[in-house]
Amino acid sequence: MTKAAKVREKVDHPIVDADGHFVEIGPVLEEELVTYLEEAGGREMRDRYLSGFAKPFDTSTALADRNHPTIRQTWSPMPSWWGWQTKNTYDRATAHLPKLMYERLDELGIDFMLVYPSSVLGLLDVEDAEIGGALAHAANRWLGSIFAPYKDRMAVGGIIPMNNPQVAIAAADHAVNELGLKTTIMASFVRRYLGDKPAGGGIQAHRLDAYGLDSEYDYDPFWAKCVELGVAPLVHGSHQRERISRSVSSYVYNHIGGLGAAHESLAKSLFLGGVTRRFPELKFGFLEGGVSWAVSLYADLIGHWSKRNGEAIHDLDPDKLDVDALMGFVKTYGDDKVQGSLEKIRTHFARPAARPAQLDEFSRAVIRQVEDIRDLFVPNFYFGCEADDPLVAWAFADKVNPMGAKLKAIIGSDISHWDVVDMTEPVEEAYEMVEHGRITEDNFRDFTFVNPVELHAGMNPKFFEGTVIEKAAAGLIAKG
């Protein structure tokens, strides 16, 4: 019996892996994509895809052309490379084969796994909205079919391109209503280009649209569709390609903090854009980025609101400055240079203030008291954490987090990717936090069972019907 299986035997609740991964077999995936594109759009759509740059991501060949002069001209970031296991052939086979993964779940100490693709996540970045939408339909059809025999213990996630709300709605509707998928995954931003492409090549100026604050589109129809379909928008994305400080030679440099940075930008955009206010029942899952960024963001939102809310901001209004009283101190305590410039200084302080259109930057979220921040942040956001992340404990640090909050950390094994050396280790590593006194047994239960179930069953109470944890999940839901 593996140590992970012993942990599962020890605890009195199911263990739900909120973020396992499957690695597509390239030739099979490519055939499925091309076949669907030809069915949906004929040879023209197929050829547009084959002649373009949009392809599933392959870490084995990602280093091709890294010596090309344009790499440094555009400061192209070092991508993920050599991302799949080769030493442990058994685990490598498990990464590719749903049947083998299913058979090994007991060995891994996992009752139920939410499993997401790997290579096709690269298709979330397709800039051609028509091709991107069709590729999502193609990938989701294939994923749904190969995992269908194992739905009692695994649920595969479909990909949702977010180029615009209409494309996203169509992909989600197809995934859930036509294919029967129960979970979906999207990128944390869409690139929006600014101005014309520079002559002679180079990188076109762009910004990142995070769907909430200052978005180019109104994504409320998509959030409403998620509520209607009963699917939580799950996010898997990184800023490692977008950072000014990116490295052309080190993937490690780019990867560290990349997911957390992207998640933080999205969470801020959703919160300050009022999405969680308008859709209080909507639950977002931020996968694989940990929870430390979220704890910091939660505290920062509270700190900023306390000093810059709609009432407090008036204490900073330059027009309310008592210039006469201030000049009294200036005359008394100013040095010779100050004394020689009193009129200029008075004029400087008496200038009329520039005023933004909206003084209260929390107005979209309608924050009237500090508790509103807690109530619009904590219940709506779930944070995927890898088992060996020691900062998971911060999520449960109610004596540290403002207003005694416990953030909703969820375990993500991340099996099949390079950072899981042995697939039997994640559950064991997670339980070591209990053994070392970093979290309690109750925290572990929340991390591995309660929060993952809440995330999905909170959107769709029937999510776990027909699964091996149906009874346990129903009991949890009944207790509220």
Protein backbone atom coordinates (compact mmCIF):
# COMPACT_ATOMS: atom_id res chain seq x y z
CA MET A 1 0.00 0.00 0.00
CA THR A 2 1.37 3.43 -0.95
CA LYS A 3 1.71 6.16 1.66
CA ALA A 4 -0.99 8.09 -0.20
CA ALA A 5 -3.37 5.13 0.11
CA LYS A 6 -2.56 4.92 3.82
CA VAL A 7 -3.46 8.60 4.24
CA ARG A 8 -6.77 7.99 2.49
CA GLU A 9 -7.42 5.01 4.78
CA LYS A 10 -6.63 7.15 7.83
CA VAL A 11 -8.99 10.07 7.14
CA ASP A 12 -12.77 9.82 7.41
CA HIS A 13 -13.65 11.67 4.22
CA PRO A 14 -13.10 11.35 0.47
CA ILE A 15 -10.14 13.08 -1.14
CA VAL A 16 -11.04 15.16 -4.18
CA ASP A 17 -8.19 16.22 -6.43
CA ALA A 18 -9.28 19.59 -7.80
CA ASP A 19 -6.59 19.80 -10.48
CA GLY A 20 -5.05 16.69 -11.99
CA HIS A 21 -3.70 16.71 -15.53
CA PHE A 22 -3.82 14.54 -18.62
CA VAL A 23 -1.22 14.84 -21.39
CA GLU A 24 -2.62 14.45 -24.88
CA ILE A 25 -0.98 12.07 -27.36
CA GLY A 26 0.00 14.50 -30.11
CA PRO A 27 -0.86 12.60 -33.32
CA VAL A 28 -4.25 11.48 -31.98
CA LEU A 29 -5.12 15.00 -30.82
CA GLU A 30 -4.04 16.56 -34.11
CA GLU A 31 -6.21 14.16 -36.11
CA GLU A 32 -9.21 14.96 -33.92
CA LEU A 33 -8.70 18.71 -34.30
CA VAL A 34 -8.25 18.62 -38.07
CA THR A 35 -11.21 16.28 -38.56
CA TYR A 36 -13.53 18.54 -36.56
CA LEU A 37 -12.38 21.72 -38.28
CA GLU A 38 -13.08 20.18 -41.68
CA GLU A 39 -16.50 19.02 -40.50
CA ALA A 40 -17.36 22.43 -39.07
CA GLY A 41 -15.83 24.78 -41.60
CA GLY A 42 -14.66 22.77 -44.57
CA ARG A 43 -11.21 22.71 -46.10
CA GLU A 44 -10.85 26.48 -45.76
CA MET A 45 -11.02 26.38 -41.95
CA ARG A 46 -8.82 23.31 -41.81
CA ASP A 47 -6.17 24.95 -43.98
CA ARG A 48 -6.31 28.20 -41.99
CA TYR A 49 -5.48 26.20 -38.89
CA LEU A 50 -2.74 24.12 -40.53
CA SER A 51 -1.05 27.19 -42.03
CA GLY A 52 -1.24 29.28 -38.85
CA PHE A 53 0.71 29.48 -35.62
CA ALA A 54 -2.03 28.19 -33.31
CA LYS A 55 -1.04 24.72 -32.17
CA PRO A 56 -1.31 22.60 -29.03
CA PHE A 57 1.70 23.22 -26.82
CA ASP A 58 4.44 20.57 -26.82
CA THR A 59 7.15 20.95 -24.19
CA SER A 60 9.38 18.47 -26.02
CA THR A 61 9.82 20.75 -29.03
CA ALA A 62 9.25 24.19 -27.50
CA LEU A 63 12.94 25.07 -27.79
CA ALA A 64 12.90 24.98 -31.59
CA ASP A 65 14.38 28.13 -33.18
CA ARG A 66 15.50 29.61 -29.83
CA ASN A 67 18.71 30.77 -31.56
CA HIS A 68 16.78 32.83 -34.11
CA PRO A 69 17.69 36.57 -33.97
CA THR A 70 14.06 37.57 -33.35
CA ILE A 71 14.15 35.88 -29.93
CA ARG A 72 16.25 38.70 -28.50
CA GLN A 73 14.81 41.37 -30.79
CA THR A 74 11.38 40.75 -29.29
CA TRP A 75 12.72 39.42 -25.95
CA SER A 76 10.64 36.30 -26.40
CA PRO A 77 10.38 34.54 -23.03
CA MET A 78 11.85 31.10 -22.49
CA PRO A 79 8.87 28.73 -22.64
CA SER A 80 8.12 25.63 -20.64
CA TRP A 81 10.44 22.91 -21.90
CA TRP A 82 10.88 19.22 -21.07
CA GLY A 83 7.67 19.24 -19.07
CA TRP A 84 6.74 15.55 -19.01
CA GLN A 85 8.26 12.70 -17.00
CA THR A 86 10.70 10.37 -18.79
CA LYS A 87 12.46 8.53 -15.95
CA ASN A 88 9.25 7.04 -14.53
CA THR A 89 7.67 5.35 -17.54
CA TYR A 90 4.71 4.09 -15.50
CA ASP A 91 3.77 7.64 -14.53
CA ARG A 92 4.39 8.84 -18.09
CA ALA A 93 2.01 6.22 -19.44
CA THR A 94 -0.52 7.20 -16.76
CA ALA A 95 -0.32 10.81 -17.95
CA HIS A 96 -1.37 9.76 -21.47
CA LEU A 97 -3.92 7.01 -20.81
CA PRO A 98 -7.21 7.75 -19.01
CA LYS A 99 -7.87 4.05 -18.36
CA LEU A 100 -4.55 3.62 -16.56
CA MET A 101 -5.04 6.85 -14.61
CA TYR A 102 -8.47 5.62 -13.54
CA GLU A 103 -7.09 2.28 -12.38
CA ARG A 104 -4.41 3.97 -10.28
CA LEU A 105 -6.63 6.39 -8.34
CA ASP A 106 -6.71 4.21 -5.20
CA GLU A 107 -2.94 3.93 -5.33
CA LEU A 108 -2.76 7.72 -5.54
CA GLY A 109 -5.07 8.10 -2.52
CA ILE A 110 -7.68 9.94 -4.59
CA ASP A 111 -11.41 9.20 -4.62
CA PHE A 112 -12.38 11.65 -7.34
CA MET A 113 -10.29 13.73 -9.72
CA LEU A 114 -11.06 16.84 -11.70
CA VAL A 115 -8.71 16.36 -14.62
CA TYR A 116 -7.68 18.97 -17.17
CA PRO A 117 -5.78 18.77 -20.45
CA SER A 118 -2.26 20.04 -20.96
CA SER A 119 -1.32 20.62 -24.61
CA VAL A 120 -4.65 22.11 -25.64
CA LEU A 121 -4.33 24.80 -22.99
CA GLY A 122 -2.13 26.45 -25.62
CA LEU A 123 -5.24 26.82 -27.77
CA LEU A 124 -6.73 29.25 -25.25
CA ASP A 125 -4.30 31.82 -26.66
CA VAL A 126 -5.55 31.64 -30.27
CA GLU A 127 -6.18 35.19 -31.47
CA ASP A 128 -8.47 34.20 -34.36
CA ALA A 129 -11.78 33.97 -32.49
CA GLU A 130 -13.46 31.79 -35.12
CA ILE A 131 -10.61 29.26 -35.23
CA GLY A 132 -10.19 29.41 -31.45
CA GLY A 133 -13.86 28.64 -30.89
CA ALA A 134 -13.83 25.74 -33.35
CA LEU A 135 -10.66 24.29 -31.81
CA ALA A 136 -12.26 24.42 -28.37
CA HIS A 137 -15.30 22.53 -29.67
CA ALA A 138 -13.01 19.96 -31.27
CA ALA A 139 -10.82 19.46 -28.23
CA ASN A 140 -13.78 19.27 -25.87
CA ARG A 141 -15.56 16.69 -28.01
CA TRP A 142 -12.49 14.46 -27.94
CA LEU A 143 -11.80 14.96 -24.23
CA GLY A 144 -15.41 14.19 -23.36
CA SER A 145 -15.38 10.98 -25.37
CA ILE A 146 -12.16 9.51 -23.98
CA PHE A 147 -13.05 10.22 -20.34
CA ALA A 148 -16.73 9.22 -20.59
CA PRO A 149 -16.14 5.62 -19.37
CA TYR A 150 -14.58 6.90 -16.15
CA LYS A 151 -17.05 9.56 -15.06
CA ASP A 152 -17.76 7.86 -11.73
CA ARG A 153 -14.27 8.87 -10.55
CA MET A 154 -13.04 11.52 -13.00
CA ALA A 155 -14.51 14.63 -14.60
CA VAL A 156 -12.58 16.16 -17.47
CA GLY A 157 -12.65 19.90 -18.05
CA GLY A 158 -13.39 21.52 -21.37
CA ILE A 159 -11.50 24.59 -22.60
CA ILE A 160 -13.29 27.93 -23.05
CA PRO A 161 -11.72 30.60 -25.30
CA MET A 162 -12.43 34.08 -23.95
CA ASN A 163 -11.79 36.21 -27.05
CA ASN A 164 -15.24 37.73 -26.59
CA PRO A 165 -18.38 36.79 -24.63
CA GLN A 166 -20.14 35.29 -27.64
CA VAL A 167 -17.32 32.83 -28.38
CA ALA A 168 -17.08 31.91 -24.70
CA ILE A 169 -20.84 31.37 -24.37
CA ALA A 170 -20.94 29.17 -27.47
CA ALA A 171 -18.05 27.03 -26.21
CA ALA A 172 -19.54 26.65 -22.73
CA ASP A 173 -22.99 25.83 -24.08
CA HIS A 174 -21.52 23.21 -26.42
CA ALA A 175 -19.35 21.69 -23.68
CA VAL A 176 -22.12 21.38 -21.11
CA ASN A 177 -25.38 20.95 -23.04
CA GLU A 178 -24.11 18.95 -26.02
CA LEU A 179 -21.09 17.09 -24.62
CA GLY A 180 -22.19 16.69 -21.01
CA LEU A 181 -19.03 18.14 -19.48
CA LYS A 182 -19.41 19.50 -15.96
CA THR A 183 -16.29 21.61 -15.57
CA THR A 184 -14.47 24.08 -17.80
CA ILE A 185 -11.21 25.99 -17.84
CA MET A 186 -10.26 29.34 -19.35
CA ALA A 187 -7.26 31.65 -19.65
CA SER A 188 -6.79 34.43 -17.12
CA PHE A 189 -6.67 37.18 -19.76
CA VAL A 190 -7.05 38.02 -23.43
CA ARG A 191 -4.48 40.08 -25.29
CA ARG A 192 -5.89 43.29 -26.79
CA TYR A 193 -3.68 45.00 -29.36
CA LEU A 194 -3.11 48.75 -29.37
CA GLY A 195 -2.37 50.72 -32.53
CA ASP A 196 -0.75 49.33 -35.65
CA LYS A 197 1.82 46.58 -35.86
CA PRO A 198 5.29 48.14 -36.05
CA ALA A 199 6.90 48.23 -39.49
CA GLY A 200 9.64 45.65 -39.92
CA GLY A 201 8.28 43.28 -37.28
CA GLY A 202 8.63 43.47 -33.52
CA ILE A 203 6.04 43.20 -30.80
CA GLN A 204 2.80 45.10 -31.26
CA ALA A 205 1.78 47.13 -28.24
CA HIS A 206 -0.95 45.40 -26.29
CA ARG A 207 -2.67 45.20 -22.93
CA LEU A 208 -4.19 42.31 -21.01
CA ASP A 209 -7.97 42.28 -20.68
CA ALA A 210 -9.01 40.50 -17.46
CA TYR A 211 -12.78 40.45 -18.17
CA GLY A 212 -13.86 42.73 -15.32
CA LEU A 213 -12.45 46.19 -14.70
CA ASP A 214 -11.91 48.23 -17.89
CA SER A 215 -12.71 45.25 -20.12
CA GLU A 216 -13.22 45.79 -23.83
CA TYR A 217 -16.41 43.72 -23.64
CA ASP A 218 -19.20 43.26 -21.15
CA TYR A 219 -18.63 39.69 -19.97
CA ASP A 220 -21.74 39.64 -17.76
CA PRO A 221 -23.65 37.54 -20.33
CA PHE A 222 -20.94 34.89 -20.03
CA TRP A 223 -21.00 34.91 -16.23
CA ALA A 224 -24.78 34.59 -16.41
CA LYS A 225 -24.38 31.63 -18.77
CA CYS A 226 -22.02 29.97 -16.27
CA VAL A 227 -24.66 30.34 -13.56
CA GLU A 228 -27.33 28.98 -15.91
CA LEU A 229 -25.17 25.98 -16.88
CA GLY A 230 -23.99 25.35 -13.32
CA VAL A 231 -20.27 25.50 -14.12
CA ALA A 232 -17.66 27.36 -12.14
CA PRO A 233 -15.25 29.39 -14.32
CA LEU A 234 -11.85 27.85 -13.62
CA VAL A 235 -8.69 29.66 -14.59
CA HIS A 236 -5.34 28.39 -15.73
CA GLY A 237 -3.05 31.10 -17.04
CA SER A 238 0.24 32.83 -16.42
CA HIS A 239 1.94 36.17 -16.90
CA GLN A 240 5.29 34.54 -17.59
CA ARG A 241 5.14 35.63 -21.24
CA GLU A 242 3.89 39.12 -20.43
CA ARG A 243 6.18 40.38 -17.68
CA ILE A 244 8.57 43.19 -18.50
CA SER A 245 11.21 41.31 -16.50
CA ARG A 246 10.83 38.07 -18.47
CA SER A 247 13.90 36.01 -19.31
CA VAL A 248 14.87 34.76 -22.76
CA SER A 249 16.99 31.97 -21.26
CA SER A 250 15.33 30.75 -18.05
CA TYR A 251 11.91 29.12 -17.88
CA VAL A 252 12.35 28.80 -14.11
CA TYR A 253 12.67 32.59 -13.83
CA ASN A 254 9.53 33.06 -15.90
CA HIS A 255 7.51 30.32 -14.22
CA ILE A 256 8.07 31.30 -10.58
CA GLY A 257 5.18 33.53 -9.59
CA GLY A 258 3.81 33.64 -13.12
CA LEU A 259 0.50 31.93 -12.39
CA GLY A 260 -0.03 33.80 -9.13
CA ALA A 261 0.57 37.14 -10.86
CA ALA A 262 -2.00 36.34 -13.56
CA HIS A 263 -4.53 35.13 -10.99
CA GLU A 264 -4.08 38.24 -8.86
CA SER A 265 -4.71 40.50 -11.85
CA LEU A 266 -7.87 38.61 -12.73
CA ALA A 267 -9.19 38.44 -9.16
CA LYS A 268 -8.66 42.20 -8.72
CA SER A 269 -10.41 42.86 -12.01
CA LEU A 270 -13.39 40.68 -11.13
CA PHE A 271 -13.71 42.07 -7.61
CA LEU A 272 -13.24 45.78 -8.37
CA GLY A 273 -15.30 45.38 -11.53
CA GLY A 274 -18.20 44.26 -9.35
CA VAL A 275 -18.57 40.77 -10.84
CA THR A 276 -18.86 39.04 -7.46
CA ARG A 277 -21.39 41.70 -6.39
CA ARG A 278 -23.57 41.15 -9.45
CA PHE A 279 -23.16 37.36 -9.39
CA PRO A 280 -22.85 36.39 -5.72
CA GLU A 281 -23.56 32.74 -6.54
CA LEU A 282 -20.68 32.52 -9.05
CA LYS A 283 -17.60 30.65 -7.85
CA PHE A 284 -14.21 31.10 -9.52
CA GLY A 285 -11.35 28.62 -9.25
CA PHE A 286 -7.77 29.83 -9.73
CA LEU A 287 -5.73 26.71 -10.46
CA GLU A 288 -2.10 25.99 -9.72
CA GLY A 289 -1.07 29.42 -8.48
CA GLY A 290 -1.21 28.79 -4.72
CA VAL A 291 -3.00 30.94 -2.17
CA SER A 292 -0.33 33.31 -0.82
CA TRP A 293 -1.07 35.91 -3.50
CA ALA A 294 -4.77 35.75 -2.59
CA VAL A 295 -4.18 36.25 1.13
CA SER A 296 -2.09 39.32 0.32
CA LEU A 297 -4.69 40.64 -2.12
CA TYR A 298 -7.50 40.17 0.39
CA ALA A 299 -5.59 42.14 3.04
CA ASP A 300 -4.58 44.82 0.52
CA LEU A 301 -8.15 45.37 -0.64
CA ILE A 302 -9.20 45.93 2.96
CA GLY A 303 -6.27 48.25 3.61
CA HIS A 304 -6.92 50.33 0.51
CA TRP A 305 -10.66 50.53 1.12
CA SER A 306 -10.14 51.75 4.69
CA LYS A 307 -8.13 54.74 3.41
CA ARG A 308 -9.71 55.32 -0.01
CA ASN A 309 -13.38 54.37 0.26
CA GLY A 310 -16.11 56.73 -0.93
CA GLU A 311 -16.13 58.63 2.36
CA ALA A 312 -12.49 58.48 3.42
CA ILE A 313 -11.27 59.69 0.03
CA HIS A 314 -12.64 63.15 0.81
CA ASP A 315 -10.00 63.49 3.53
CA LEU A 316 -7.45 63.46 0.69
CA ASP A 317 -9.22 66.06 -1.48
CA PRO A 318 -6.59 68.72 -2.34
CA ASP A 319 -9.31 71.37 -2.50
CA LYS A 320 -10.00 70.86 1.21
CA LEU A 321 -6.48 71.72 2.25
CA ASP A 322 -6.38 74.67 4.68
CA VAL A 323 -3.76 76.63 2.77
CA ASP A 324 -3.67 79.49 5.28
CA ALA A 325 -2.98 77.15 8.20
CA LEU A 326 -0.36 75.24 6.20
CA MET A 327 1.39 78.48 5.20
CA GLY A 328 1.54 79.42 8.86
CA PHE A 329 3.74 76.37 9.50
CA VAL A 330 5.74 77.04 6.35
CA LYS A 331 6.53 80.60 7.50
CA THR A 332 7.51 79.42 10.98
CA TYR A 333 9.59 76.40 10.09
CA GLY A 334 10.73 76.94 6.52
CA ASP A 335 14.41 77.56 5.75
CA ASP A 336 15.75 80.61 3.90
CA LYS A 337 14.93 79.22 0.46
CA VAL A 338 11.40 78.48 1.53
CA GLN A 339 11.02 81.97 3.04
CA GLY A 340 12.08 83.49 -0.28
CA SER A 341 9.39 81.61 -2.21
CA LEU A 342 6.31 82.01 0.00
CA GLU A 343 4.01 83.35 -2.70
CA LYS A 344 5.00 80.63 -5.18
CA ILE A 345 4.49 78.00 -2.49
CA ARG A 346 1.04 79.40 -1.62
CA THR A 347 0.08 79.36 -5.31
CA HIS A 348 1.35 75.78 -5.57
CA PHE A 349 -0.77 74.51 -2.67
CA ALA A 350 -3.83 76.51 -3.75
CA ARG A 351 -4.06 74.98 -7.23
CA PRO A 352 -7.45 73.41 -8.01
CA ALA A 353 -7.40 69.63 -7.84
CA ALA A 354 -7.72 67.37 -10.85
CA ARG A 355 -10.73 65.12 -10.23
CA PRO A 356 -11.50 61.65 -11.60
CA ALA A 357 -14.96 60.88 -12.95
CA GLN A 358 -15.56 58.50 -10.05
CA LEU A 359 -14.11 59.26 -6.63
CA ASP A 360 -15.03 55.89 -5.13
CA GLU A 361 -12.99 53.23 -6.92
CA PHE A 362 -14.89 50.54 -5.01
CA SER A 363 -18.24 51.75 -6.35
CA ARG A 364 -18.68 48.93 -8.88
CA ALA A 365 -18.42 46.39 -6.06
CA VAL A 366 -20.73 48.53 -3.87
CA ILE A 367 -18.60 48.27 -0.73
CA ARG A 368 -20.38 50.03 2.15
CA GLN A 369 -18.56 48.42 5.07
CA VAL A 370 -15.38 46.42 5.44
CA GLU A 371 -17.31 43.18 5.93
CA ASP A 372 -18.59 43.51 2.36
CA ILE A 373 -15.06 42.85 1.10
CA ARG A 374 -14.89 39.62 3.07
CA ASP A 375 -18.35 38.57 1.93
CA LEU A 376 -17.67 39.25 -1.77
CA PHE A 377 -14.18 37.73 -1.79
CA VAL A 378 -13.98 34.72 0.51
CA PRO A 379 -17.07 32.76 -0.67
CA ASN A 380 -16.50 33.39 -4.38
CA PHE A 381 -12.83 32.55 -4.91
CA TYR A 382 -11.14 29.14 -4.63
CA PHE A 383 -7.40 28.69 -4.87
CA GLY A 384 -5.67 25.66 -6.33
CA CYS A 385 -2.56 24.76 -4.33
CA GLU A 386 -0.03 22.05 -5.01
CA ALA A 387 0.50 19.53 -2.25
CA ASP A 388 4.09 20.51 -1.47
CA ASP A 389 3.32 24.23 -1.09
CA PRO A 390 3.98 25.11 2.58
CA LEU A 391 2.06 28.39 2.25
CA VAL A 392 -1.24 26.50 2.03
CA ALA A 393 -1.31 26.97 5.80
CA TRP A 394 -1.74 30.73 5.29
CA ALA A 395 -5.23 30.13 3.87
CA PHE A 396 -6.34 28.79 7.25
CA ALA A 397 -4.51 31.35 9.40
CA ASP A 398 -7.66 32.96 10.79
CA LYS A 399 -5.65 34.72 13.50
CA VAL A 400 -3.66 36.49 10.80
CA ASN A 401 -6.13 37.03 7.99
CA PRO A 402 -8.40 40.09 8.42
CA MET A 403 -11.75 39.40 10.09
CA GLY A 404 -10.70 35.84 10.86
CA ALA A 405 -11.10 34.74 7.25
CA LYS A 406 -10.16 31.30 6.03
CA LEU A 407 -9.60 31.34 2.29
CA LYS A 408 -10.81 28.41 0.24
CA ALA A 409 -7.68 26.50 -0.70
CA ILE A 410 -8.20 23.37 -2.81
CA ILE A 411 -5.67 20.63 -3.47
CA GLY A 412 -4.37 20.28 -7.02
CA SER A 413 -2.11 17.28 -7.47
CA ASP A 414 -0.84 18.56 -10.85
CA ILE A 415 -0.03 14.96 -11.73
CA SER A 416 1.39 14.42 -15.23
CA HIS A 417 3.45 17.61 -15.11
CA TRP A 418 7.18 18.00 -14.44
CA ASP A 419 6.83 19.12 -10.82
CA VAL A 420 5.26 15.81 -9.73
CA VAL A 421 8.18 13.39 -9.64
CA ASP A 422 6.03 10.50 -8.37
CA MET A 423 2.24 10.45 -8.79
CA THR A 424 1.80 8.68 -5.43
CA GLU A 425 3.34 11.59 -3.52
CA PRO A 426 0.90 14.56 -3.65
CA VAL A 427 -1.67 13.27 -1.14
CA GLU A 428 1.12 12.09 1.16
CA GLU A 429 2.84 15.49 0.90
CA ALA A 430 -0.39 17.33 1.64
CA TYR A 431 -0.97 15.30 4.78
CA GLU A 432 2.55 16.07 5.99
CA MET A 433 1.24 19.57 6.77
CA VAL A 434 -0.96 17.95 9.42
CA GLU A 435 1.85 15.78 10.73
CA HIS A 436 4.14 18.82 11.02
CA GLY A 437 1.50 20.90 12.78
CA ARG A 438 1.08 23.48 10.03
CA ILE A 439 -2.63 22.75 9.53
CA THR A 440 -5.22 20.78 11.47
CA GLU A 441 -7.13 17.66 10.47
CA ASP A 442 -10.15 19.91 9.90
CA ASN A 443 -8.08 22.16 7.62
CA PHE A 444 -6.95 19.09 5.67
CA ARG A 445 -10.59 18.03 5.29
CA ASP A 446 -11.47 21.48 3.94
CA PHE A 447 -8.45 21.44 1.62
CA THR A 448 -9.05 18.00 0.13
CA PHE A 449 -12.82 17.54 0.38
CA VAL A 450 -15.05 20.36 1.57
CA ASN A 451 -13.71 23.20 -0.59
CA PRO A 452 -13.40 21.20 -3.85
CA VAL A 453 -16.93 19.90 -3.41
CA GLU A 454 -18.26 23.39 -2.57
CA LEU A 455 -16.61 24.85 -5.65
CA HIS A 456 -18.43 22.54 -8.04
CA ALA A 457 -21.56 21.45 -6.18
CA GLY A 458 -22.10 25.07 -5.14
CA MET A 459 -22.70 25.81 -8.82
CA ASN A 460 -24.37 22.50 -9.66
CA PRO A 461 -25.85 20.49 -6.76
CA LYS A 462 -26.00 17.45 -9.06
CA PHE A 463 -22.31 17.64 -9.96
CA PHE A 464 -21.33 14.53 -8.01
CA GLU A 465 -24.41 12.43 -8.74
CA GLY A 466 -23.40 9.08 -10.17
CA THR A 467 -19.89 9.30 -8.73
CA VAL A 468 -18.23 7.29 -5.97
CA ILE A 469 -18.49 10.29 -3.63
CA GLU A 470 -22.15 11.02 -4.35
CA LYS A 471 -23.31 10.16 -0.83
CA ALA A 472 -20.51 12.07 0.93
CA ALA A 473 -20.99 15.12 -1.29
CA ALA A 474 -24.77 15.06 -0.76
CA GLY A 475 -24.23 14.96 3.01
CA LEU A 476 -21.95 17.96 2.79
CA ILE A 477 -24.42 19.90 0.65
CA ALA A 478 -27.25 19.05 3.04
CA LYS A 479 -25.29 20.57 5.90
CA GLY A 480 -24.89 23.77 3.90
